[in-house]
Amino acid sequence: MFKKQYGRAIAEAERAITLDPNLADAYSMLGSVLHMVSRQQEAIAPLEKAIRINPIAPSVYYRRLGTAHRDIGRYEEAIVQLKKAVNLTPDSLYPHVALAVTYSLAGRDEEARFEASEVLRIQPKFSLVSFAKRVAFKHKADIDRIVGALRKAGLPEHPPLPLPNKPSIAVLAFDNLSGDPEQEYFSDGITEEIISSLSKTDKIFVIARNSSFTYKGKPVNVKQVARELGVRYVLEGSVRKSEDRVRVTAQLIDASTGHHLWSERYDRDLKEIFALQDEITLKIVRALEIKLTEGEQARMWTKHYKTLDIYLKRMEAQSLFREGTIESHMRHAQVSQEIIDMAPESPRGYMSLGYHYWWLAIIGKSPKENIKKALELAHKAISLDESDPASRELLASVYLSMRQYDKAITEGERAIELDPSGADVYAKLGQTLSYAGKPDEAIGYIKKGMRLNPFPEPWYFNDLGRCYILKGQYEKAVTEFKKAHQRAPKSPGPHIFLAIAYAMLDRQEEARVSAEKCLELAPFLSVGWFTKISKFKNEADTNLIADAMRKAGFPE
């Protein structure tokens, strides 16, 4: 529309009417433009006249009239006109979009959701992001109102991810029906064990725990979940634990059709939990018609928990580590030591405690001493089970902290072999490669991790952005650091990286503001601190970042 030159568009429509007072299209266009510049009341008369002049008016006339009525609050009249548009072109996208907006604004949510489903039927790749770019309204408030109504109706923010070329599944967090919040880690643990088992074959594409747990505690629309995560199958279920009994329900759904492939309820003794997890995993594999080699079967069903008590302790330790507070980390260390004391022949306790000492080292607590302890514990865990990907991942992280890049890369590659659907192992190998001076290779691995984990943690974006900095692609870096900031607004990490990227773009004021925000959150940060802890193999990369920090205003 004349590249949104609204005044010119109105003038041209009025001129066309002057030349031909019976030109219905000119009246329809005039009404449409008046609507787009928020002159809805004025828009209605020419839109109604267009319909009177043309007794077989096309669908677009009724859609324009309906949306004009809608935007002055006449929802019932809007619905009448929009239904006429739909009846004329039932498989046209925009009448259904307009009806979805109208029903949503009118508070008729069920009808709005139905129209949203029709939108996706007609255009499966529809997304609010792309739609907002095409809306021609002059005022942003009008666009935001429409997009907000469509969001409420259930339409997605982003287009669907392409399906992998192999069976793909998301295992949603099993609901805790025990009535005891303290049992949350138990139900989460069952879910995580199933995800972990499925991840150990490269014949299935398995969404990472972090992304599938995004839906925890929320009403689940399986088709929406599958669309957002880019999978065909979804497993959901529940757990009820009572004394020495456990009831687990599980259902595997083909999201492309909405059909249940299987649904089961299990009532078992608590001590049978390992066998039950294996049984559910096996049912998934069979339902997806996957044929496993003997080696894959051995990896999927190897258990490190000799007793139920050890299993419960490990689930508790994982929950504490993810909680992320100083207190939870300290308690995590205690529980990890308890696992070692209970089962010195199992790798799990050593690996878990190794992560604690690695964490202490990376936050600056006696780094040399703690990284040495982490290294010893990683080696101990691997000596007990060479095929455990988590222990390999730990060892890779320790070697990176020690700046032993080749060893870190080797262990990262081995972790991927053992856990081919493990999002973090791909992203962490990418992290290692970026520090080793190989940003192009790093980007590929980080993006692979993001596909397996579509709702990644902030460090994924920070690592990807850092790769772009090393490649001199500073605008791309800013985009990634902003995503990290959206997910962790109180973390200093995205602010320091944004300050660096802005400085490299010579956007000095933005660099200064980001540096100030970073120092508010972490006053100890300085150029000297960075150069001391830098993991970059190439001194030139360290100097590049340090110079940008100085330019952004960080102290020496």
Protein backbone atom coordinates (compact mmCIF):
# COMPACT_ATOMS: atom_id res chain seq x y z
CA MET A 1 0.00 0.00 0.00
CA PHE A 2 2.44 2.62 -1.33
CA LYS A 3 4.90 1.33 1.31
CA LYS A 4 2.52 2.49 4.04
CA GLN A 5 2.08 5.99 2.56
CA TYR A 6 -1.40 6.20 4.02
CA GLY A 7 -2.19 9.78 3.01
CA ARG A 8 -1.29 9.08 -0.58
CA ALA A 9 -3.35 5.88 -0.56
CA ILE A 10 -6.41 7.75 0.72
CA ALA A 11 -5.96 10.48 -1.90
CA GLU A 12 -5.66 7.94 -4.73
CA ALA A 13 -8.79 6.08 -3.58
CA GLU A 14 -10.77 9.35 -3.37
CA ARG A 15 -9.54 10.35 -6.84
CA ALA A 16 -10.66 7.00 -8.24
CA ILE A 17 -14.11 7.54 -6.71
CA THR A 18 -14.30 11.01 -8.26
CA LEU A 19 -13.48 9.57 -11.68
CA ASP A 20 -15.91 6.65 -11.28
CA PRO A 21 -18.50 7.05 -8.47
CA ASN A 22 -19.65 3.45 -9.01
CA LEU A 23 -16.23 1.81 -8.63
CA ALA A 24 -16.78 -0.57 -5.71
CA ASP A 25 -13.10 -1.44 -5.34
CA ALA A 26 -12.21 2.22 -4.78
CA TYR A 27 -14.73 2.53 -1.92
CA SER A 28 -13.48 -0.72 -0.41
CA MET A 29 -9.86 0.47 -0.59
CA LEU A 30 -10.73 3.87 0.89
CA GLY A 31 -12.51 2.22 3.82
CA SER A 32 -9.64 -0.17 4.34
CA VAL A 33 -7.01 2.58 4.52
CA LEU A 34 -9.16 4.72 6.83
CA HIS A 35 -9.42 1.67 9.10
CA MET A 36 -5.65 1.20 9.06
CA VAL A 37 -5.06 4.75 10.26
CA SER A 38 -7.54 4.27 13.15
CA ARG A 39 -10.41 6.16 11.50
CA GLN A 40 -12.72 3.17 11.84
CA GLN A 41 -15.97 5.11 12.14
CA GLU A 42 -15.27 6.91 8.87
CA ALA A 43 -14.24 3.61 7.26
CA ILE A 44 -17.63 1.92 7.64
CA ALA A 45 -19.61 4.11 5.19
CA PRO A 46 -17.40 3.54 2.11
CA LEU A 47 -17.08 -0.17 2.97
CA GLU A 48 -20.87 -0.55 3.15
CA LYS A 49 -21.25 1.40 -0.10
CA ALA A 50 -18.77 -0.94 -1.85
CA ILE A 51 -21.00 -3.88 -0.93
CA ARG A 52 -24.16 -2.06 -2.11
CA ILE A 53 -22.58 -1.22 -5.46
CA ASN A 54 -21.35 -4.77 -6.04
CA PRO A 55 -24.18 -7.25 -5.37
CA ILE A 56 -21.74 -10.16 -5.65
CA ALA A 57 -19.10 -8.58 -3.43
CA PRO A 58 -15.93 -10.60 -2.88
CA SER A 59 -14.93 -11.99 0.50
CA VAL A 60 -12.40 -9.22 1.16
CA TYR A 61 -15.18 -6.57 1.24
CA TYR A 62 -16.96 -8.33 4.11
CA ARG A 63 -13.66 -8.96 5.92
CA ARG A 64 -12.74 -5.29 5.79
CA LEU A 65 -16.17 -4.23 6.98
CA GLY A 66 -16.12 -6.80 9.75
CA THR A 67 -12.73 -5.72 11.07
CA ALA A 68 -13.80 -2.06 11.03
CA HIS A 69 -16.85 -2.90 13.16
CA ARG A 70 -14.65 -5.00 15.43
CA ASP A 71 -12.20 -2.22 16.10
CA ILE A 72 -14.91 0.13 17.36
CA GLY A 73 -16.24 -2.60 19.65
CA ARG A 74 -19.20 -3.81 17.57
CA TYR A 75 -18.29 -7.47 17.91
CA GLU A 76 -21.63 -9.03 16.98
CA GLU A 77 -21.90 -7.05 13.76
CA ALA A 78 -18.24 -7.82 13.04
CA ILE A 79 -18.89 -11.55 13.44
CA VAL A 80 -21.86 -11.40 11.04
CA GLN A 81 -19.75 -9.78 8.33
CA LEU A 82 -16.70 -11.99 8.91
CA LYS A 83 -18.80 -15.15 8.71
CA LYS A 84 -19.99 -13.97 5.29
CA ALA A 85 -16.34 -13.65 4.27
CA VAL A 86 -15.59 -17.16 5.54
CA ASN A 87 -18.61 -18.63 3.76
CA LEU A 88 -17.45 -17.13 0.46
CA THR A 89 -13.84 -18.37 0.85
CA PRO A 90 -13.76 -21.09 3.53
CA ASP A 91 -10.12 -21.95 2.88
CA SER A 92 -8.86 -18.38 2.79
CA LEU A 93 -6.54 -17.55 5.68
CA TYR A 94 -7.36 -13.98 6.60
CA PRO A 95 -11.11 -14.23 7.28
CA HIS A 96 -10.32 -16.93 9.85
CA VAL A 97 -7.56 -14.76 11.33
CA ALA A 98 -9.98 -11.84 11.61
CA LEU A 99 -12.62 -14.05 13.25
CA ALA A 100 -10.05 -15.41 15.72
CA VAL A 101 -9.14 -11.84 16.71
CA THR A 102 -12.79 -10.83 17.03
CA TYR A 103 -13.84 -13.81 19.15
CA SER A 104 -10.79 -13.35 21.35
CA LEU A 105 -11.49 -9.65 21.94
CA ALA A 106 -15.15 -10.46 22.63
CA GLY A 107 -14.17 -12.98 25.30
CA ARG A 108 -15.54 -15.94 23.33
CA ASP A 109 -12.42 -18.01 23.91
CA GLU A 110 -13.64 -21.40 22.70
CA GLU A 111 -14.71 -19.98 19.35
CA ALA A 112 -11.43 -18.06 19.13
CA ARG A 113 -9.47 -21.28 19.65
CA PHE A 114 -11.51 -23.02 16.96
CA GLU A 115 -10.73 -20.26 14.47
CA ALA A 116 -7.06 -20.45 15.48
CA SER A 117 -7.12 -24.17 14.65
CA GLU A 118 -8.60 -23.30 11.25
CA VAL A 119 -5.77 -20.83 10.67
CA LEU A 120 -3.23 -23.58 11.36
CA ARG A 121 -5.15 -26.02 9.17
CA ILE A 122 -4.91 -23.62 6.25
CA GLN A 123 -1.40 -22.41 7.02
CA PRO A 124 0.52 -24.82 9.30
CA LYS A 125 3.53 -22.49 9.34
CA PHE A 126 1.55 -19.49 10.57
CA SER A 127 3.30 -17.54 13.33
CA LEU A 128 2.65 -14.30 15.17
CA VAL A 129 6.17 -13.06 14.46
CA SER A 130 5.74 -13.22 10.68
CA PHE A 131 2.11 -12.05 10.81
CA ALA A 132 2.99 -8.93 12.81
CA LYS A 133 5.48 -7.91 10.12
CA ARG A 134 2.76 -8.01 7.46
CA VAL A 135 0.03 -6.11 9.32
CA ALA A 136 -0.41 -2.72 7.66
CA PHE A 137 -1.88 -0.70 10.54
CA LYS A 138 -0.25 2.67 11.07
CA HIS A 139 -0.15 2.58 14.86
CA LYS A 140 1.82 -0.02 16.78
CA ALA A 141 -0.84 -0.15 19.51
CA ASP A 142 -3.34 -1.47 16.95
CA ILE A 143 -0.91 -4.15 15.80
CA ASP A 144 -0.12 -5.15 19.39
CA ARG A 145 -3.84 -5.44 20.17
CA ILE A 146 -4.45 -7.77 17.23
CA VAL A 147 -1.37 -9.89 17.89
CA GLY A 148 -2.29 -10.11 21.57
CA ALA A 149 -5.76 -11.36 20.70
CA LEU A 150 -4.31 -14.02 18.38
CA ARG A 151 -1.85 -15.07 21.08
CA LYS A 152 -4.75 -15.46 23.52
CA ALA A 153 -6.53 -17.59 20.89
CA GLY A 154 -3.59 -19.97 20.95
CA LEU A 155 -1.68 -19.14 17.80
CA PRO A 156 2.09 -19.69 18.06
CA GLU A 157 4.80 -17.06 18.26
CA HIS A 158 7.13 -18.81 15.84
CA PRO A 159 6.75 -21.14 12.85
CA PRO A 160 7.13 -24.87 13.58
CA LEU A 161 10.55 -26.42 13.60
CA PRO A 162 11.09 -28.91 10.75
CA LEU A 163 10.68 -32.53 11.79
CA PRO A 164 13.90 -34.57 11.91
CA ASN A 165 14.39 -37.42 9.43
CA LYS A 166 13.93 -40.00 12.20
CA PRO A 167 11.31 -40.63 14.90
CA SER A 168 11.19 -37.61 17.22
CA ILE A 169 9.77 -37.41 20.73
CA ALA A 170 9.32 -35.08 23.68
CA VAL A 171 8.88 -36.65 27.11
CA LEU A 172 6.91 -34.19 29.24
CA ALA A 173 7.43 -33.94 32.99
CA PHE A 174 5.28 -36.58 34.68
CA ASP A 175 2.74 -34.99 37.04
CA ASN A 176 3.35 -35.53 40.75
CA LEU A 177 0.04 -36.80 42.15
CA SER A 178 1.47 -37.78 45.53
CA GLY A 179 0.09 -34.70 47.28
CA ASP A 180 3.56 -34.03 48.66
CA PRO A 181 5.69 -31.33 47.01
CA GLU A 182 8.76 -33.00 48.49
CA GLN A 183 8.14 -35.92 46.11
CA GLU A 184 8.50 -33.65 43.08
CA TYR A 185 12.07 -34.77 42.48
CA PHE A 186 10.87 -38.39 42.37
CA SER A 187 8.36 -37.82 39.55
CA ASP A 188 10.86 -35.58 37.75
CA GLY A 189 13.49 -38.26 38.15
CA ILE A 190 11.38 -40.90 36.45
CA THR A 191 10.88 -38.55 33.50
CA GLU A 192 14.58 -37.75 33.33
CA GLU A 193 15.57 -41.41 33.40
CA ILE A 194 13.29 -42.16 30.44
CA ILE A 195 14.71 -39.17 28.52
CA SER A 196 18.25 -40.27 29.37
CA SER A 197 17.63 -43.84 28.20
CA LEU A 198 16.02 -42.77 24.91
CA SER A 199 18.88 -40.34 24.24
CA LYS A 200 21.44 -43.12 24.13
CA THR A 201 20.60 -44.22 20.60
CA ASP A 202 21.02 -42.07 17.51
CA LYS A 203 17.92 -43.67 15.96
CA ILE A 204 15.55 -41.44 17.95
CA PHE A 205 15.51 -37.63 18.14
CA VAL A 206 14.82 -36.80 21.80
CA ILE A 207 14.07 -33.30 23.09
CA ALA A 208 16.19 -32.25 26.06
CA ARG A 209 14.80 -32.20 29.57
CA ASN A 210 15.13 -28.42 29.86
CA SER A 211 12.75 -27.82 26.94
CA SER A 212 10.22 -30.55 27.67
CA PHE A 213 10.00 -29.39 31.30
CA THR A 214 9.00 -25.91 30.07
CA TYR A 215 5.42 -27.21 30.03
CA LYS A 216 5.52 -28.55 33.57
CA GLY A 217 2.47 -27.59 35.62
CA LYS A 218 0.68 -26.05 32.63
CA PRO A 219 -2.37 -27.21 30.67
CA VAL A 220 -0.92 -29.19 27.76
CA ASN A 221 -2.05 -29.04 24.16
CA VAL A 222 -0.12 -31.91 22.63
CA LYS A 223 -0.26 -30.56 19.08
CA GLN A 224 1.03 -27.19 20.26
CA VAL A 225 3.85 -28.84 22.21
CA ALA A 226 4.85 -30.92 19.20
CA ARG A 227 4.77 -27.86 16.97
CA GLU A 228 6.90 -25.75 19.31
CA LEU A 229 9.46 -28.48 19.93
CA GLY A 230 9.51 -29.85 16.41
CA VAL A 231 8.59 -33.47 17.18
CA ARG A 232 5.97 -35.94 16.06
CA TYR A 233 5.44 -37.90 19.29
CA VAL A 234 4.77 -36.79 22.85
CA LEU A 235 4.87 -38.91 26.02
CA GLU A 236 2.99 -37.66 29.06
CA GLY A 237 2.12 -39.28 32.35
CA SER A 238 1.76 -39.06 36.12
CA VAL A 239 3.26 -40.58 39.25
CA ARG A 240 1.62 -41.29 42.58
CA LYS A 241 3.99 -42.52 45.29
CA SER A 242 2.59 -43.78 48.58
CA GLU A 243 4.83 -45.50 51.11
CA ASP A 244 6.24 -48.58 49.31
CA ARG A 245 3.88 -48.46 46.31
CA VAL A 246 3.94 -46.40 43.14
CA ARG A 247 1.34 -45.87 40.43
CA VAL A 248 2.52 -44.60 37.08
CA THR A 249 0.36 -43.75 34.09
CA ALA A 250 1.85 -43.07 30.68
CA GLN A 251 0.50 -42.39 27.23
CA LEU A 252 2.34 -42.01 23.95
CA ILE A 253 0.61 -39.69 21.47
CA ASP A 254 1.14 -39.17 17.76
CA ALA A 255 0.72 -35.40 17.66
CA SER A 256 0.23 -35.35 13.89
CA THR A 257 -3.09 -37.17 14.34
CA GLY A 258 -3.82 -36.79 18.05
CA HIS A 259 -4.12 -40.58 18.36
CA HIS A 260 -2.80 -42.51 21.37
CA LEU A 261 -0.31 -45.16 20.25
CA TRP A 262 -0.60 -46.75 23.68
CA SER A 263 -1.73 -45.88 27.18
CA GLU A 264 -0.95 -47.84 30.34
CA ARG A 265 -1.37 -47.71 34.09
CA TYR A 266 1.14 -49.49 36.30
CA ASP A 267 0.72 -50.34 39.99
CA ARG A 268 4.00 -51.64 41.35
CA ASP A 269 6.14 -52.03 44.43
CA LEU A 270 8.49 -49.08 44.75
CA LYS A 271 11.49 -51.39 44.49
CA GLU A 272 10.40 -52.28 40.94
CA ILE A 273 10.81 -48.68 39.71
CA PHE A 274 13.88 -49.48 37.59
CA ALA A 275 12.16 -52.30 35.76
CA LEU A 276 9.13 -50.07 35.25
CA GLN A 277 11.19 -47.28 33.68
CA ASP A 278 12.78 -49.81 31.36
CA GLU A 279 9.37 -51.21 30.44
CA ILE A 280 8.02 -47.77 29.51
CA THR A 281 11.16 -47.03 27.48
CA LEU A 282 10.90 -50.36 25.69
CA LYS A 283 7.24 -49.72 24.83
CA ILE A 284 8.19 -46.37 23.29
CA VAL A 285 10.94 -47.97 21.21
CA ARG A 286 8.60 -50.68 19.97
CA ALA A 287 5.78 -48.22 19.23
CA LEU A 288 8.17 -46.13 17.12
CA GLU A 289 9.28 -49.32 15.35
CA ILE A 290 12.92 -48.81 16.28
CA LYS A 291 15.31 -51.74 15.98
CA LEU A 292 18.23 -51.43 18.39
CA THR A 293 21.61 -53.09 18.21
CA GLU A 294 22.79 -55.08 21.20
CA GLY A 295 25.17 -52.25 22.12
CA GLU A 296 22.37 -49.68 22.05
CA GLN A 297 20.17 -51.92 24.19
CA ALA A 298 22.99 -52.33 26.70
CA ARG A 299 23.47 -48.56 26.98
CA MET A 300 19.76 -47.80 27.26
CA TRP A 301 19.09 -50.28 30.03
CA THR A 302 22.31 -50.07 32.06
CA LYS A 303 21.47 -49.03 35.64
CA HIS A 304 23.83 -47.42 38.11
CA TYR A 305 21.45 -47.67 41.05
CA LYS A 306 21.97 -50.82 43.07
CA THR A 307 19.21 -49.95 45.51
CA LEU A 308 16.16 -47.74 45.59
CA ASP A 309 17.75 -45.53 48.27
CA ILE A 310 20.64 -44.70 45.95
CA TYR A 311 18.21 -43.88 43.15
CA LEU A 312 16.22 -41.53 45.37
CA LYS A 313 19.41 -39.84 46.59
CA ARG A 314 20.56 -39.29 43.01
CA MET A 315 17.21 -37.78 42.04
CA GLU A 316 17.45 -35.45 45.03
CA ALA A 317 21.01 -34.46 44.11
CA GLN A 318 20.01 -33.59 40.53
CA SER A 319 17.12 -31.48 41.79
CA LEU A 320 19.40 -29.60 44.20
CA PHE A 321 22.02 -28.88 41.54
CA ARG A 322 19.42 -27.44 39.18
CA GLU A 323 17.97 -25.26 41.93
CA GLY A 324 21.13 -23.21 41.59
CA THR A 325 21.36 -21.43 44.97
CA ILE A 326 24.46 -21.47 47.17
CA GLU A 327 22.51 -23.43 49.79
CA SER A 328 21.24 -26.01 47.28
CA HIS A 329 24.75 -26.49 45.88
CA MET A 330 26.12 -27.16 49.36
CA ARG A 331 23.34 -29.64 50.06
CA HIS A 332 24.00 -31.21 46.65
CA ALA A 333 27.58 -31.91 47.73
CA GLN A 334 26.37 -33.58 50.95
CA VAL A 335 23.90 -35.81 49.10
CA SER A 336 26.54 -36.72 46.50
CA GLN A 337 28.91 -37.83 49.27
CA GLU A 338 26.10 -39.88 50.80
CA ILE A 339 25.67 -41.69 47.45
CA ILE A 340 29.40 -42.50 47.42
CA ASP A 341 29.22 -43.81 50.99
CA MET A 342 26.18 -45.95 50.15
CA ALA A 343 27.49 -47.28 46.82
CA PRO A 344 31.25 -46.81 46.37
CA GLU A 345 31.12 -49.13 43.34
CA SER A 346 28.67 -46.82 41.44
CA PRO A 347 29.96 -43.96 39.24
CA ARG A 348 26.98 -41.73 39.99
CA GLY A 349 28.10 -40.35 43.33
CA TYR A 350 31.62 -39.55 42.11
CA MET A 351 30.30 -37.85 38.99
CA SER A 352 27.80 -35.83 41.01
CA LEU A 353 30.39 -34.70 43.56
CA GLY A 354 32.80 -33.93 40.72
CA TYR A 355 30.30 -31.45 39.30
CA HIS A 356 30.17 -29.74 42.71
CA TYR A 357 33.93 -29.14 42.81
CA TRP A 358 33.93 -28.06 39.15
CA TRP A 359 31.18 -25.55 40.00
CA LEU A 360 33.24 -24.20 42.93
CA ALA A 361 36.22 -23.76 40.61
CA ILE A 362 34.34 -21.85 37.91
CA ILE A 363 32.88 -19.40 40.43
CA GLY A 364 36.39 -18.69 41.68
CA LYS A 365 36.50 -20.68 44.94
CA SER A 366 40.03 -22.11 45.25
CA PRO A 367 40.02 -22.95 41.53
CA LYS A 368 43.26 -24.95 41.40
CA GLU A 369 42.39 -27.10 44.39
CA ASN A 370 38.78 -27.70 43.35
CA ILE A 371 39.49 -28.40 39.70
CA LYS A 372 42.01 -31.02 40.82
CA LYS A 373 39.33 -32.68 42.98
CA ALA A 374 36.85 -32.54 40.08
CA LEU A 375 39.41 -34.17 37.78
CA GLU A 376 40.06 -37.01 40.23
CA LEU A 377 36.35 -37.65 40.69
CA ALA A 378 35.67 -37.62 36.93
CA HIS A 379 38.42 -40.19 36.37
CA LYS A 380 37.06 -42.31 39.22
CA ALA A 381 33.54 -42.27 37.74
CA ILE A 382 34.84 -43.23 34.28
CA SER A 383 36.96 -46.04 35.73
CA LEU A 384 33.72 -47.54 37.09
CA ASP A 385 31.79 -47.06 33.82
CA GLU A 386 33.56 -45.93 30.66
CA SER A 387 30.24 -45.62 28.79
CA ASP A 388 28.64 -42.99 31.06
CA PRO A 389 28.16 -39.79 28.99
CA ALA A 390 27.61 -37.58 32.05
CA SER A 391 31.03 -38.47 33.44
CA ARG A 392 32.61 -37.81 30.03
CA GLU A 393 30.86 -34.45 29.87
CA LEU A 394 32.21 -33.58 33.32
CA LEU A 395 35.73 -34.56 32.30
CA ALA A 396 35.49 -32.42 29.15
CA SER A 397 34.43 -29.42 31.25
CA VAL A 398 37.31 -29.98 33.67
CA TYR A 399 39.86 -30.25 30.86
CA LEU A 400 38.54 -27.00 29.35
CA SER A 401 38.99 -25.26 32.72
CA MET A 402 42.55 -26.62 32.70
CA ARG A 403 43.00 -25.30 29.13
CA GLN A 404 43.78 -28.78 27.85
CA TYR A 405 41.79 -28.24 24.68
CA ASP A 406 42.56 -31.40 22.74
CA LYS A 407 41.62 -33.59 25.70
CA ALA A 408 38.44 -31.55 26.26
CA ILE A 409 37.44 -31.96 22.61
CA THR A 410 38.12 -35.69 22.67
CA GLU A 411 35.99 -36.20 25.77
CA GLY A 412 33.23 -34.00 24.31
CA GLU A 413 33.16 -36.08 21.15
CA ARG A 414 33.05 -39.28 23.20
CA ALA A 415 30.12 -37.90 25.22
CA ILE A 416 28.20 -37.29 21.98
CA GLU A 417 28.88 -40.85 20.81
CA LEU A 418 27.42 -42.14 24.07
CA ASP A 419 24.52 -39.64 24.19
CA PRO A 420 23.64 -38.77 20.57
CA SER A 421 20.46 -36.88 21.55
CA GLY A 422 22.06 -35.04 24.47
CA ALA A 423 21.58 -31.32 23.82
CA ASP A 424 24.06 -30.18 26.44
CA VAL A 425 26.86 -32.42 25.18
CA TYR A 426 26.62 -30.83 21.73
CA ALA A 427 26.46 -27.30 23.12
CA LYS A 428 29.33 -27.88 25.54
CA LEU A 429 31.53 -29.29 22.79
CA GLY A 430 30.67 -26.13 20.85
CA GLN A 431 31.72 -24.09 23.88
CA THR A 432 35.05 -25.92 24.01
CA LEU A 433 35.65 -25.43 20.29
CA SER A 434 34.94 -21.70 20.58
CA TYR A 435 37.56 -21.30 23.30
CA ALA A 436 39.94 -23.44 21.25
CA GLY A 437 39.76 -20.91 18.39
CA LYS A 438 37.36 -22.85 16.15
CA PRO A 439 34.18 -20.71 16.08
CA ASP A 440 32.82 -22.10 12.80
CA GLU A 441 32.83 -25.67 14.10
CA ALA A 442 31.51 -24.44 17.43
CA ILE A 443 28.46 -22.79 15.87
CA GLY A 444 27.38 -26.05 14.24
CA TYR A 445 27.49 -27.95 17.53
CA ILE A 446 25.75 -25.21 19.52
CA LYS A 447 22.94 -25.00 16.96
CA LYS A 448 22.56 -28.78 17.04
CA GLY A 449 22.18 -28.50 20.82
CA MET A 450 19.56 -25.78 20.35
CA ARG A 451 17.55 -27.97 17.98
CA LEU A 452 17.49 -30.72 20.58
CA ASN A 453 16.71 -28.12 23.23
CA PRO A 454 14.45 -25.49 21.57
CA PHE A 455 14.05 -23.57 24.86
CA PRO A 456 17.70 -23.54 25.90
CA GLU A 457 19.32 -22.08 28.97
CA PRO A 458 20.96 -18.64 28.62
CA TRP A 459 24.50 -19.99 28.33
CA TYR A 460 23.66 -21.49 24.92
CA PHE A 461 22.99 -18.00 23.53
CA ASN A 462 26.03 -16.50 25.28
CA ASP A 463 28.27 -19.16 23.77
CA LEU A 464 26.77 -18.72 20.30
CA GLY A 465 27.10 -14.94 20.54
CA ARG A 466 30.74 -15.28 21.60
CA CYS A 467 31.39 -17.34 18.45
CA TYR A 468 29.94 -14.54 16.34
CA ILE A 469 32.20 -12.03 18.11
CA LEU A 470 35.24 -14.12 17.21
CA LYS A 471 34.03 -14.12 13.59
CA GLY A 472 33.49 -10.34 13.60
CA GLN A 473 29.73 -10.70 13.18
CA TYR A 474 28.82 -8.31 15.95
CA GLU A 475 25.17 -7.66 15.04
CA LYS A 476 24.49 -11.41 15.15
CA ALA A 477 26.24 -11.51 18.51
CA VAL A 478 23.98 -8.77 19.90
CA THR A 479 20.90 -10.73 18.81
CA GLU A 480 22.05 -13.83 20.72
CA PHE A 481 23.06 -11.92 23.85
CA LYS A 482 19.66 -10.24 23.92
CA LYS A 483 18.02 -13.68 23.90
CA ALA A 484 20.19 -14.69 26.86
CA HIS A 485 19.20 -11.51 28.68
CA GLN A 486 15.49 -12.19 28.10
CA ARG A 487 15.89 -15.57 29.81
CA ALA A 488 18.13 -14.35 32.64
CA PRO A 489 17.60 -10.60 33.17
CA LYS A 490 19.38 -10.63 36.54
CA SER A 491 22.46 -12.45 35.29
CA PRO A 492 25.59 -10.33 34.65
CA GLY A 493 26.70 -12.62 31.79
CA PRO A 494 24.47 -11.24 29.00
CA HIS A 495 25.23 -7.65 30.07
CA ILE A 496 29.00 -8.10 29.87
CA PHE A 497 28.71 -9.71 26.45
CA LEU A 498 26.31 -7.03 25.22
CA ALA A 499 28.71 -4.34 26.42
CA ILE A 500 31.55 -6.04 24.50
CA ALA A 501 29.51 -6.41 21.30
CA TYR A 502 28.22 -2.83 21.43
CA ALA A 503 31.76 -1.55 21.96
CA MET A 504 32.92 -3.45 18.90
CA LEU A 505 30.09 -1.87 16.91
CA ASP A 506 31.10 1.58 18.19
CA ARG A 507 27.69 1.95 19.83
CA GLN A 508 29.38 3.54 22.79
CA GLU A 509 26.38 4.70 24.79
CA GLU A 510 24.73 1.27 24.67
CA ALA A 511 28.05 -0.33 25.61
CA ARG A 512 28.40 1.98 28.62
CA VAL A 513 24.84 1.29 29.81
CA SER A 514 25.32 -2.49 29.54
CA ALA A 515 28.64 -2.28 31.38
CA GLU A 516 27.05 -0.30 34.20
CA LYS A 517 24.21 -2.81 34.55
CA CYS A 518 26.74 -5.63 34.58
CA LEU A 519 28.79 -3.99 37.34
CA GLU A 520 25.65 -3.42 39.42
CA LEU A 521 25.06 -7.16 39.38
CA ALA A 522 28.72 -8.20 39.70
CA PRO A 523 30.90 -5.36 41.08
CA PHE A 524 34.03 -7.55 41.09
CA LEU A 525 34.19 -7.74 37.28
CA SER A 526 37.17 -6.04 35.69
CA VAL A 527 39.48 -6.36 32.70
CA GLY A 528 42.12 -7.89 34.96
CA TRP A 529 39.64 -10.44 36.31
CA PHE A 530 38.71 -11.47 32.77
CA THR A 531 42.30 -11.87 31.53
CA LYS A 532 43.09 -13.98 34.59
CA ILE A 533 40.20 -16.44 34.12
CA SER A 534 40.00 -16.36 30.28
CA LYS A 535 39.77 -19.84 28.72
CA PHE A 536 40.72 -18.70 25.21
CA LYS A 537 43.53 -20.68 23.64
CA ASN A 538 44.57 -17.78 21.42
CA GLU A 539 45.94 -14.75 23.22
CA ALA A 540 44.60 -12.56 20.42
CA ASP A 541 41.03 -13.60 21.34
CA THR A 542 41.61 -12.70 24.99
CA ASN A 543 43.06 -9.33 23.99
CA LEU A 544 40.14 -8.68 21.62
CA ILE A 545 37.63 -9.11 24.45
CA ALA A 546 39.75 -7.22 26.98
CA ASP A 547 40.10 -4.21 24.68
CA ALA A 548 36.34 -4.13 24.10
CA MET A 549 35.76 -4.26 27.88
CA ARG A 550 38.05 -1.24 28.34
CA LYS A 551 36.21 0.61 25.59
CA ALA A 552 32.86 -0.19 27.24
CA GLY A 553 34.06 1.27 30.55
CA PHE A 554 34.99 -1.71 32.69
CA PRO A 555 37.71 -0.95 35.25
CA GLU A 556 41.22 -2.36 34.93
